């Protein structure tokens, strides 16, 4: 039994390392420029203005993405304490996204990127993808794939 447990742990560690390497390589092609967008139109028709004195997390996701659904509660938690904008890409109409948010008890700010225009601007090729900018809109972190709540909090704290 002890040998099986050691084997499972060893494979789990190897799996996590492989996922991190893949995430790193996928993030190499992402847009690394300073955030130039100063406001976003949200699905509720309001305008979110980027705050110049706080770090900002921008999270690309999709309603059809299984990894995104695993990560959505992490994004929900961090959105209670930090500035977070999420971009739902090719996920249907704003009404469909609103229904998805309600069904899953999510309240974070969402932009509908129905045509994938913002995804192209940021050079997104996989979901979920997360960017973190400091208070001067300089990119501090980018990541492709699942990110834990603790990992998000640490990155946001580091970006202050």
C-alpha atoms as a PDB file:
ATOM      1  CA  UNK A   1       0.000   0.000   0.000  1.00  0.00           C
ATOM      2  CA  UNK A   2       2.812   2.383   0.896  1.00  0.00           C
ATOM      3  CA  UNK A   3       4.525   1.730  -2.452  1.00  0.00           C
ATOM      4  CA  UNK A   4       1.324   2.498  -4.382  1.00  0.00           C
ATOM      5  CA  UNK A   5       0.918   5.749  -2.473  1.00  0.00           C
ATOM      6  CA  UNK A   6       4.506   6.763  -3.283  1.00  0.00           C
ATOM      7  CA  UNK A   7       3.920   5.948  -6.949  1.00  0.00           C
ATOM      8  CA  UNK A   8       0.719   8.015  -7.070  1.00  0.00           C
ATOM      9  CA  UNK A   9       2.481  10.974  -5.428  1.00  0.00           C
ATOM     10  CA  UNK A  10       5.396  10.679  -7.852  1.00  0.00           C
ATOM     11  CA  UNK A  11       3.069  10.683 -10.879  1.00  0.00           C
ATOM     12  CA  UNK A  12       1.068  13.566  -9.446  1.00  0.00           C
ATOM     13  CA  UNK A  13       4.213  15.655  -9.025  1.00  0.00           C
ATOM     14  CA  UNK A  14       5.327  14.766 -12.554  1.00  0.00           C
ATOM     15  CA  UNK A  15       1.874  15.703 -13.883  1.00  0.00           C
ATOM     16  CA  UNK A  16       1.975  19.114 -12.152  1.00  0.00           C
ATOM     17  CA  UNK A  17       5.480  19.784 -13.516  1.00  0.00           C
ATOM     18  CA  UNK A  18       4.400  18.892 -17.055  1.00  0.00           C
ATOM     19  CA  UNK A  19       1.323  21.133 -16.797  1.00  0.00           C
ATOM     20  CA  UNK A  20       3.484  24.045 -15.627  1.00  0.00           C
ATOM     21  CA  UNK A  21       5.957  23.555 -18.465  1.00  0.00           C
ATOM     22  CA  UNK A  22       3.110  23.480 -21.002  1.00  0.00           C
ATOM     23  CA  UNK A  23       1.582  26.614 -19.442  1.00  0.00           C
ATOM     24  CA  UNK A  24       4.941  28.388 -19.617  1.00  0.00           C
ATOM     25  CA  UNK A  25       5.429  27.585 -23.310  1.00  0.00           C
ATOM     26  CA  UNK A  26       1.868  28.569 -24.201  1.00  0.00           C
ATOM     27  CA  UNK A  27       2.327  31.906 -22.429  1.00  0.00           C
ATOM     28  CA  UNK A  28       5.446  32.813 -24.467  1.00  0.00           C
ATOM     29  CA  UNK A  29       3.296  33.958 -27.421  1.00  0.00           C
ATOM     30  CA  UNK A  30       0.930  36.121 -25.387  1.00  0.00           C
ATOM     31  CA  UNK A  31       0.817  39.887 -25.747  1.00  0.00           C
ATOM     32  CA  UNK A  32       3.418  41.263 -23.298  1.00  0.00           C
ATOM     33  CA  UNK A  33       2.758  44.961 -23.909  1.00  0.00           C
ATOM     34  CA  UNK A  34       1.544  47.516 -21.429  1.00  0.00           C
ATOM     35  CA  UNK A  35      -2.256  47.550 -21.106  1.00  0.00           C
ATOM     36  CA  UNK A  36      -3.464  50.267 -23.451  1.00  0.00           C
ATOM     37  CA  UNK A  37      -7.195  49.732 -23.024  1.00  0.00           C
ATOM     38  CA  UNK A  38      -8.547  52.173 -20.445  1.00  0.00           C
ATOM     39  CA  UNK A  39     -12.176  51.041 -20.322  1.00  0.00           C
ATOM     40  CA  UNK A  40     -14.298  48.028 -21.099  1.00  0.00           C
ATOM     41  CA  UNK A  41     -18.005  47.615 -21.844  1.00  0.00           C
ATOM     42  CA  UNK A  42     -19.453  44.942 -19.571  1.00  0.00           C
ATOM     43  CA  UNK A  43     -22.339  42.587 -20.358  1.00  0.00           C
ATOM     44  CA  UNK A  44     -24.656  44.698 -18.186  1.00  0.00           C
ATOM     45  CA  UNK A  45     -23.922  47.642 -20.555  1.00  0.00           C
ATOM     46  CA  UNK A  46     -21.947  49.533 -17.878  1.00  0.00           C
ATOM     47  CA  UNK A  47     -18.419  50.787 -18.541  1.00  0.00           C
ATOM     48  CA  UNK A  48     -15.527  49.608 -16.384  1.00  0.00           C
ATOM     49  CA  UNK A  49     -12.725  52.195 -16.224  1.00  0.00           C
ATOM     50  CA  UNK A  50      -9.258  50.819 -15.441  1.00  0.00           C
ATOM     51  CA  UNK A  51      -8.039  52.225 -12.126  1.00  0.00           C
ATOM     52  CA  UNK A  52      -4.546  53.718 -12.259  1.00  0.00           C
ATOM     53  CA  UNK A  53      -3.722  53.031  -8.620  1.00  0.00           C
ATOM     54  CA  UNK A  54      -4.501  49.296  -8.368  1.00  0.00           C
ATOM     55  CA  UNK A  55      -3.305  46.078  -9.967  1.00  0.00           C
ATOM     56  CA  UNK A  56      -5.723  44.482 -12.439  1.00  0.00           C
ATOM     57  CA  UNK A  57      -6.356  40.852 -13.278  1.00  0.00           C
ATOM     58  CA  UNK A  58      -7.736  40.160 -16.769  1.00  0.00           C
ATOM     59  CA  UNK A  59      -9.029  36.636 -17.197  1.00  0.00           C
ATOM     60  CA  UNK A  60     -10.002  35.108 -20.563  1.00  0.00           C
ATOM     61  CA  UNK A  61     -12.407  32.189 -20.321  1.00  0.00           C
ATOM     62  CA  UNK A  62     -15.307  30.506 -22.101  1.00  0.00           C
ATOM     63  CA  UNK A  63     -18.556  28.958 -20.926  1.00  0.00           C
ATOM     64  CA  UNK A  64     -17.767  25.802 -22.933  1.00  0.00           C
ATOM     65  CA  UNK A  65     -14.270  25.365 -21.404  1.00  0.00           C
ATOM     66  CA  UNK A  66     -14.036  22.571 -18.766  1.00  0.00           C
ATOM     67  CA  UNK A  67     -10.835  23.959 -17.167  1.00  0.00           C
ATOM     68  CA  UNK A  68     -12.469  27.404 -16.959  1.00  0.00           C
ATOM     69  CA  UNK A  69     -15.387  25.915 -15.030  1.00  0.00           C
ATOM     70  CA  UNK A  70     -12.927  24.328 -12.578  1.00  0.00           C
ATOM     71  CA  UNK A  71     -11.228  27.696 -12.081  1.00  0.00           C
ATOM     72  CA  UNK A  72     -14.292  29.978 -11.961  1.00  0.00           C
ATOM     73  CA  UNK A  73     -14.645  29.883  -8.158  1.00  0.00           C
ATOM     74  CA  UNK A  74     -10.987  30.952  -7.815  1.00  0.00           C
ATOM     75  CA  UNK A  75     -11.722  33.969 -10.020  1.00  0.00           C
ATOM     76  CA  UNK A  76     -14.907  34.652  -8.051  1.00  0.00           C
ATOM     77  CA  UNK A  77     -12.988  34.682  -4.755  1.00  0.00           C
ATOM     78  CA  UNK A  78     -10.216  36.989  -5.921  1.00  0.00           C
ATOM     79  CA  UNK A  79     -12.721  39.367  -7.546  1.00  0.00           C
ATOM     80  CA  UNK A  80     -14.036  40.146  -4.040  1.00  0.00           C
ATOM     81  CA  UNK A  81     -10.642  41.590  -2.987  1.00  0.00           C
ATOM     82  CA  UNK A  82      -8.991  42.857  -6.188  1.00  0.00           C
ATOM     83  CA  UNK A  83      -9.836  44.511  -9.490  1.00  0.00           C
ATOM     84  CA  UNK A  84     -10.819  41.699 -11.859  1.00  0.00           C
ATOM     85  CA  UNK A  85     -12.182  41.831 -15.390  1.00  0.00           C
ATOM     86  CA  UNK A  86     -13.123  38.609 -17.125  1.00  0.00           C
ATOM     87  CA  UNK A  87     -13.545  38.199 -20.857  1.00  0.00           C
ATOM     88  CA  UNK A  88     -15.940  35.476 -22.002  1.00  0.00           C
ATOM     89  CA  UNK A  89     -14.782  34.504 -25.463  1.00  0.00           C
ATOM     90  CA  UNK A  90     -17.052  32.950 -28.068  1.00  0.00           C
ATOM     91  CA  UNK A  91     -19.530  32.008 -25.363  1.00  0.00           C
ATOM     92  CA  UNK A  92     -22.759  33.172 -26.988  1.00  0.00           C
ATOM     93  CA  UNK A  93     -24.845  36.254 -26.372  1.00  0.00           C
ATOM     94  CA  UNK A  94     -24.589  38.461 -23.299  1.00  0.00           C
ATOM     95  CA  UNK A  95     -27.910  36.992 -22.131  1.00  0.00           C
ATOM     96  CA  UNK A  96     -26.511  33.447 -22.383  1.00  0.00           C
ATOM     97  CA  UNK A  97     -23.446  34.490 -20.396  1.00  0.00           C
ATOM     98  CA  UNK A  98     -25.646  36.154 -17.759  1.00  0.00           C
ATOM     99  CA  UNK A  99     -27.626  32.902 -17.435  1.00  0.00           C
ATOM    100  CA  UNK A 100     -24.373  30.948 -17.055  1.00  0.00           C
ATOM    101  CA  UNK A 101     -23.158  33.347 -14.336  1.00  0.00           C
ATOM    102  CA  UNK A 102     -26.450  33.149 -12.457  1.00  0.00           C
ATOM    103  CA  UNK A 103     -26.615  29.353 -12.697  1.00  0.00           C
ATOM    104  CA  UNK A 104     -23.082  29.096 -11.270  1.00  0.00           C
ATOM    105  CA  UNK A 105     -23.464  31.850  -8.616  1.00  0.00           C
ATOM    106  CA  UNK A 106     -20.781  34.046 -10.187  1.00  0.00           C
ATOM    107  CA  UNK A 107     -20.707  37.821  -9.813  1.00  0.00           C
ATOM    108  CA  UNK A 108     -17.396  38.918 -11.343  1.00  0.00           C
ATOM    109  CA  UNK A 109     -17.319  41.585 -14.072  1.00  0.00           C
ATOM    110  CA  UNK A 110     -17.638  40.143 -17.584  1.00  0.00           C
ATOM    111  CA  UNK A 111     -17.025  41.408 -21.085  1.00  0.00           C
ATOM    112  CA  UNK A 112     -18.586  39.476 -23.956  1.00  0.00           C
ATOM    113  CA  UNK A 113     -15.929  38.862 -26.609  1.00  0.00           C
ATOM    114  CA  UNK A 114     -18.418  37.090 -28.860  1.00  0.00           C
ATOM    115  CA  UNK A 115     -16.354  37.581 -32.029  1.00  0.00           C
ATOM    116  CA  UNK A 116     -12.980  36.958 -30.344  1.00  0.00           C
ATOM    117  CA  UNK A 117     -11.627  40.463 -31.085  1.00  0.00           C
ATOM    118  CA  UNK A 118     -10.028  40.936 -27.660  1.00  0.00           C
ATOM    119  CA  UNK A 119      -8.689  37.382 -27.720  1.00  0.00           C
ATOM    120  CA  UNK A 120      -6.881  38.170 -30.960  1.00  0.00           C
ATOM    121  CA  UNK A 121      -5.539  41.450 -29.556  1.00  0.00           C
ATOM    122  CA  UNK A 122      -4.048  39.602 -26.567  1.00  0.00           C
ATOM    123  CA  UNK A 123      -2.970  36.657 -28.782  1.00  0.00           C
ATOM    124  CA  UNK A 124      -4.987  34.090 -26.806  1.00  0.00           C
ATOM    125  CA  UNK A 125      -4.736  30.553 -28.148  1.00  0.00           C
ATOM    126  CA  UNK A 126      -6.004  28.529 -25.166  1.00  0.00           C
ATOM    127  CA  UNK A 127      -8.407  28.947 -22.262  1.00  0.00           C
ATOM    128  CA  UNK A 128      -8.270  29.940 -19.510  1.00  0.00           C
ATOM    129  CA  UNK A 129      -5.581  32.619 -19.840  1.00  0.00           C
ATOM    130  CA  UNK A 130      -4.850  35.158 -17.124  1.00  0.00           C
ATOM    131  CA  UNK A 131      -2.925  38.439 -17.206  1.00  0.00           C
ATOM    132  CA  UNK A 132      -1.970  40.514 -14.181  1.00  0.00           C
ATOM    133  CA  UNK A 133      -1.008  44.170 -14.541  1.00  0.00           C
ATOM    134  CA  UNK A 134       0.436  46.476 -11.903  1.00  0.00           C
ATOM    135  CA  UNK A 135      -1.016  49.903 -11.045  1.00  0.00           C
ATOM    136  CA  UNK A 136       0.850  51.411 -14.025  1.00  0.00           C
ATOM    137  CA  UNK A 137      -0.701  48.856 -16.434  1.00  0.00           C
ATOM    138  CA  UNK A 138       2.627  47.033 -16.903  1.00  0.00           C
ATOM    139  CA  UNK A 139       2.174  43.310 -17.304  1.00  0.00           C
ATOM    140  CA  UNK A 140       3.607  41.422 -14.344  1.00  0.00           C
ATOM    141  CA  UNK A 141       2.320  37.893 -14.979  1.00  0.00           C
ATOM    142  CA  UNK A 142       0.593  35.838 -17.652  1.00  0.00           C
ATOM    143  CA  UNK A 143      -0.509  32.266 -17.399  1.00  0.00           C
ATOM    144  CA  UNK A 144      -2.305  29.762 -19.578  1.00  0.00           C
ATOM    145  CA  UNK A 145      -4.321  27.069 -17.864  1.00  0.00           C
ATOM    146  CA  UNK A 146      -5.646  26.479 -14.367  1.00  0.00           C
ATOM    147  CA  UNK A 147      -4.465  28.716 -11.536  1.00  0.00           C
ATOM    148  CA  UNK A 148      -5.234  28.168  -7.865  1.00  0.00           C
ATOM    149  CA  UNK A 149      -6.817  30.798  -5.644  1.00  0.00           C
ATOM    150  CA  UNK A 150      -3.631  30.991  -3.594  1.00  0.00           C
ATOM    151  CA  UNK A 151      -1.555  31.430  -6.756  1.00  0.00           C
ATOM    152  CA  UNK A 152      -3.799  34.282  -7.911  1.00  0.00           C
ATOM    153  CA  UNK A 153      -3.663  36.011  -4.526  1.00  0.00           C
ATOM    154  CA  UNK A 154       0.129  35.744  -4.384  1.00  0.00           C
ATOM    155  CA  UNK A 155       0.520  37.160  -7.895  1.00  0.00           C
ATOM    156  CA  UNK A 156      -1.862  40.044  -7.177  1.00  0.00           C
ATOM    157  CA  UNK A 157      -0.095  40.803  -3.888  1.00  0.00           C
ATOM    158  CA  UNK A 158       3.271  40.736  -5.692  1.00  0.00           C
ATOM    159  CA  UNK A 159       1.938  43.173  -8.325  1.00  0.00           C
ATOM    160  CA  UNK A 160       1.140  45.911  -5.792  1.00  0.00           C
END
